[in-house]
Amino acid sequence: MRVLLVEDHKGLREMIAAHLRERGFAVDPVSCGEEALAAAATAAYDAIVLDLGLPDMDGMVVLRRLRGGRHPGLPTLIVTARDSLEARVGGLDAGADDYILKPFDLLELDARLRAVLRRPGARLAAIYRYGDLGFDAASRTASVGNASLDLRRREASVLEELIRAGGQIVVKDALEERLYGFDDDVSGNALEATVSRLRRKLTAAGSAVHIETTRGIGYRLQIGSGP
Protein backbone atom coordinates (compact mmCIF):
# COMPACT_ATOMS: atom_id res chain seq x y z
CA MET A 1 0.00 0.00 0.00
CA ARG A 2 1.21 3.47 -0.89
CA VAL A 3 0.86 6.48 1.41
CA LEU A 4 1.46 10.16 0.67
CA LEU A 5 3.01 11.81 3.74
CA VAL A 6 2.83 15.62 3.85
CA GLU A 7 4.85 17.07 6.74
CA ASP A 8 7.14 20.12 6.67
CA HIS A 9 9.22 19.22 9.75
CA LYS A 10 12.14 17.23 8.35
CA GLY A 11 12.88 15.17 11.45
CA LEU A 12 9.26 14.23 12.07
CA ARG A 13 8.70 13.51 8.38
CA GLU A 14 11.65 11.12 8.27
CA MET A 15 10.59 9.45 11.53
CA ILE A 16 7.01 8.87 10.37
CA ALA A 17 8.16 7.65 6.96
CA ALA A 18 10.60 5.17 8.48
CA HIS A 19 7.94 3.85 10.87
CA LEU A 20 5.31 3.38 8.17
CA ARG A 21 7.81 1.60 5.92
CA GLU A 22 8.59 -0.79 8.75
CA ARG A 23 4.84 -1.42 9.03
CA GLY A 24 4.60 -2.45 5.38
CA PHE A 25 3.69 0.76 3.54
CA ALA A 26 5.40 2.36 0.57
CA VAL A 27 5.73 6.04 1.54
CA ASP A 28 6.23 9.20 -0.51
CA PRO A 29 7.24 11.95 1.94
CA VAL A 30 6.87 15.58 0.82
CA SER A 31 7.33 18.85 2.69
CA CYS A 32 4.76 21.28 1.24
CA GLY A 33 1.38 21.56 -0.42
CA GLU A 34 2.62 22.03 -3.97
CA GLU A 35 4.75 18.89 -3.72
CA ALA A 36 1.76 17.00 -2.35
CA LEU A 37 -0.49 18.07 -5.22
CA ALA A 38 2.22 17.25 -7.77
CA ALA A 39 2.74 13.78 -6.27
CA ALA A 40 -1.01 13.10 -6.20
CA ALA A 41 -1.24 14.08 -9.87
CA THR A 42 1.26 11.41 -10.90
CA ALA A 43 0.74 8.47 -8.52
CA ALA A 44 -2.12 6.46 -7.03
CA TYR A 45 -2.33 6.46 -3.23
CA ASP A 46 -4.23 4.39 -0.72
CA ALA A 47 -4.15 7.14 1.93
CA ILE A 48 -2.66 10.52 2.82
CA VAL A 49 -1.20 11.60 6.15
CA LEU A 50 -1.50 15.39 6.04
CA ASP A 51 -0.08 18.12 8.26
CA LEU A 52 -2.12 21.33 8.25
CA GLY A 53 0.69 23.80 9.01
CA LEU A 54 2.54 23.74 5.69
CA PRO A 55 4.92 26.51 4.56
CA ASP A 56 3.27 27.32 1.21
CA MET A 57 -0.44 26.70 1.75
CA ASP A 58 -2.82 25.55 4.44
CA GLY A 59 -3.31 21.81 4.62
CA MET A 60 -7.07 22.38 4.36
CA VAL A 61 -6.51 23.84 0.90
CA VAL A 62 -4.50 20.78 -0.11
CA LEU A 63 -7.25 18.49 1.14
CA ARG A 64 -10.02 20.39 -0.66
CA ARG A 65 -8.07 20.39 -3.92
CA LEU A 66 -7.40 16.66 -3.67
CA ARG A 67 -11.01 15.88 -2.82
CA GLY A 68 -12.24 18.14 -5.62
CA GLY A 69 -9.94 16.54 -8.21
CA ARG A 70 -8.92 12.97 -9.01
CA HIS A 71 -8.91 11.79 -5.35
CA PRO A 72 -12.48 12.37 -4.07
CA GLY A 73 -12.45 9.38 -1.72
CA LEU A 74 -8.81 9.28 -0.66
CA PRO A 75 -8.63 8.15 3.01
CA THR A 76 -7.12 11.07 4.93
CA LEU A 77 -5.52 11.28 8.37
CA ILE A 78 -4.78 14.85 9.50
CA VAL A 79 -1.74 15.34 11.74
CA THR A 80 -1.48 18.77 13.34
CA ALA A 81 -0.68 20.85 16.40
CA ARG A 82 -3.96 22.79 16.07
CA ASP A 83 -5.95 21.61 19.06
CA SER A 84 -9.02 23.85 18.87
CA LEU A 85 -12.46 22.33 18.35
CA GLU A 86 -12.94 24.65 15.36
CA ALA A 87 -9.79 23.29 13.67
CA ARG A 88 -10.80 19.68 14.27
CA VAL A 89 -14.32 20.20 12.98
CA GLY A 90 -13.00 22.13 9.98
CA GLY A 91 -10.67 19.31 9.05
CA LEU A 92 -13.37 16.69 9.29
CA ASP A 93 -15.81 18.86 7.36
CA ALA A 94 -13.20 19.29 4.61
CA GLY A 95 -13.19 15.53 4.11
CA ALA A 96 -10.63 14.14 6.55
CA ASP A 97 -11.43 10.72 7.99
CA ASP A 98 -9.58 11.18 11.29
CA TYR A 99 -7.48 13.69 13.20
CA ILE A 100 -4.44 13.18 15.44
CA LEU A 101 -2.81 15.90 17.53
CA LYS A 102 0.92 16.49 17.93
CA PRO A 103 2.74 15.23 19.88
CA PHE A 104 1.64 11.65 19.31
CA ASP A 105 2.97 8.13 19.61
CA LEU A 106 3.90 6.44 16.34
CA LEU A 107 1.92 3.36 17.31
CA GLU A 108 -1.18 5.50 17.70
CA LEU A 109 -0.61 7.04 14.26
CA ASP A 110 -0.24 3.56 12.78
CA ALA A 111 -3.44 2.39 14.47
CA ARG A 112 -5.41 5.44 13.34
CA LEU A 113 -4.15 5.12 9.76
CA ARG A 114 -5.19 1.47 9.63
CA ALA A 115 -8.57 2.34 11.12
CA VAL A 116 -9.08 4.91 8.35
CA LEU A 117 -8.16 2.28 5.78
CA ARG A 118 -10.62 -0.22 7.25
CA ARG A 119 -13.60 2.05 6.65
CA PRO A 120 -16.14 1.14 3.93
CA GLY A 121 -14.63 1.38 0.47
CA ALA A 122 -11.02 1.42 1.65
CA ARG A 123 -8.56 -1.17 0.41
CA LEU A 124 -7.68 -2.38 3.90
CA ALA A 125 -11.24 -3.46 4.68
CA ALA A 126 -11.08 -6.94 3.20
CA ILE A 127 -9.79 -10.46 3.58
CA TYR A 128 -8.94 -11.71 0.10
CA ARG A 129 -8.98 -15.36 -1.00
CA TYR A 130 -7.87 -17.16 -4.12
CA GLY A 131 -7.73 -20.93 -4.18
CA ASP A 132 -6.11 -22.05 -0.94
CA LEU A 133 -4.49 -18.64 -0.41
CA GLY A 134 -5.79 -16.05 2.02
CA PHE A 135 -4.59 -12.50 2.70
CA ASP A 136 -5.76 -10.28 5.56
CA ALA A 137 -5.08 -6.71 4.44
CA ALA A 138 -5.53 -5.26 7.94
CA SER A 139 -2.97 -7.47 9.67
CA ARG A 140 -0.79 -7.96 6.56
CA THR A 141 -0.80 -11.72 7.12
CA ALA A 142 -1.08 -14.49 4.55
CA SER A 143 -2.06 -18.14 4.80
CA VAL A 144 -2.14 -21.34 2.77
CA GLY A 145 -5.14 -23.32 3.97
CA ASN A 146 -5.06 -23.03 7.75
CA ALA A 147 -1.29 -22.50 7.94
CA SER A 148 0.28 -19.05 8.13
CA LEU A 149 2.74 -18.02 5.42
CA ASP A 150 5.85 -16.16 6.58
CA LEU A 151 6.43 -13.30 4.13
CA ARG A 152 8.71 -10.30 3.97
CA ARG A 153 7.09 -6.87 3.67
CA ARG A 154 7.36 -6.58 -0.12
CA GLU A 155 6.47 -10.23 -0.67
CA ALA A 156 3.26 -9.57 1.24
CA SER A 157 2.62 -6.47 -0.86
CA VAL A 158 3.07 -8.41 -4.11
CA LEU A 159 0.74 -11.16 -2.91
CA GLU A 160 -1.86 -8.59 -1.86
CA GLU A 161 -1.91 -6.96 -5.30
CA LEU A 162 -2.06 -10.31 -7.10
CA ILE A 163 -4.74 -11.83 -4.90
CA ARG A 164 -6.88 -8.68 -5.18
CA ALA A 165 -6.75 -9.11 -8.96
CA GLY A 166 -8.40 -12.53 -8.63
CA GLY A 167 -6.43 -14.26 -11.37
CA GLN A 168 -6.32 -11.26 -13.71
CA ILE A 169 -2.97 -9.94 -14.93
CA VAL A 170 -1.39 -7.18 -12.84
CA VAL A 171 0.78 -5.05 -15.10
CA LYS A 172 4.39 -4.89 -13.95
CA ASP A 173 4.56 -1.09 -14.00
CA ALA A 174 1.41 -0.81 -11.90
CA LEU A 175 2.75 -3.38 -9.44
CA GLU A 176 6.01 -1.47 -9.04
CA GLU A 177 4.07 1.75 -8.45
CA ARG A 178 2.12 0.14 -5.60
CA LEU A 179 5.26 -1.30 -4.00
CA TYR A 180 7.81 1.49 -4.18
CA GLY A 181 7.82 5.13 -3.15
CA PHE A 182 9.65 7.94 -4.89
CA ASP A 183 12.61 7.68 -2.51
CA ASP A 184 13.06 3.91 -2.69
CA ASP A 185 16.30 2.72 -4.23
CA VAL A 186 14.95 0.12 -6.66
CA SER A 187 17.20 -2.02 -8.86
CA GLY A 188 16.04 -3.16 -12.28
CA ASN A 189 15.26 -6.71 -11.15
CA ALA A 190 13.94 -5.93 -7.65
CA LEU A 191 10.38 -6.94 -8.48
CA GLU A 192 11.48 -10.13 -10.23
CA ALA A 193 13.55 -11.10 -7.18
CA THR A 194 10.58 -10.52 -4.87
CA VAL A 195 8.27 -12.57 -7.10
CA SER A 196 10.83 -15.36 -7.24
CA ARG A 197 11.05 -15.55 -3.43
CA LEU A 198 7.27 -15.52 -3.16
CA ARG A 199 7.01 -18.36 -5.69
CA ARG A 200 9.41 -20.49 -3.67
CA LYS A 201 7.47 -19.88 -0.47
CA LEU A 202 4.16 -20.81 -2.07
CA THR A 203 5.71 -24.02 -3.39
CA ALA A 204 7.30 -24.85 -0.04
CA ALA A 205 3.94 -24.32 1.68
CA GLY A 206 2.27 -26.77 -0.70
CA SER A 207 -0.08 -24.20 -2.21
CA ALA A 208 -2.10 -25.15 -5.29
CA VAL A 209 -1.70 -21.55 -6.46
CA HIS A 210 1.30 -20.39 -8.48
CA ILE A 211 2.41 -17.09 -9.98
CA GLU A 212 2.35 -17.02 -13.75
CA THR A 213 4.49 -14.55 -15.71
CA THR A 214 3.05 -12.98 -18.82
CA ARG A 215 6.29 -11.97 -20.50
CA GLY A 216 6.65 -8.27 -21.06
CA ILE A 217 3.35 -7.49 -19.33
CA GLY A 218 3.08 -8.65 -15.74
CA TYR A 219 1.99 -11.39 -13.35
CA ARG A 220 -1.13 -13.21 -12.22
CA LEU A 221 -2.17 -15.98 -9.85
CA GLN A 222 -3.28 -19.30 -11.27
CA ILE A 223 -4.59 -22.48 -9.67
CA GLY A 224 -2.97 -25.72 -10.74
CA SER A 225 0.49 -26.91 -11.67
CA GLY A 226 3.10 -24.20 -12.01
CA PRO A 227 5.13 -23.30 -15.09
Foldseek 3Di string as FASTA:
>chain_A
DEEEEEAQPVVVQVVLCVVVVVVQYAYAYDHALVVSVVVVVPADHLAYEEEQDGDPHGRLVSLLVCCVPDNVPHAYEYEYQDDDPVVQVSSVVSPHPYYDYPPDDSVVVVVVVLVSQCPPPHPQVDWFDAAQKIARSSNLWIARNPHTFDADSLLSLLVSVQRVVRFDFDFPVNSVSRRHYPPDDDDPCNVVVSLVVNQVRCVVNVHQKGWDADPPTGIHIDGHDDD
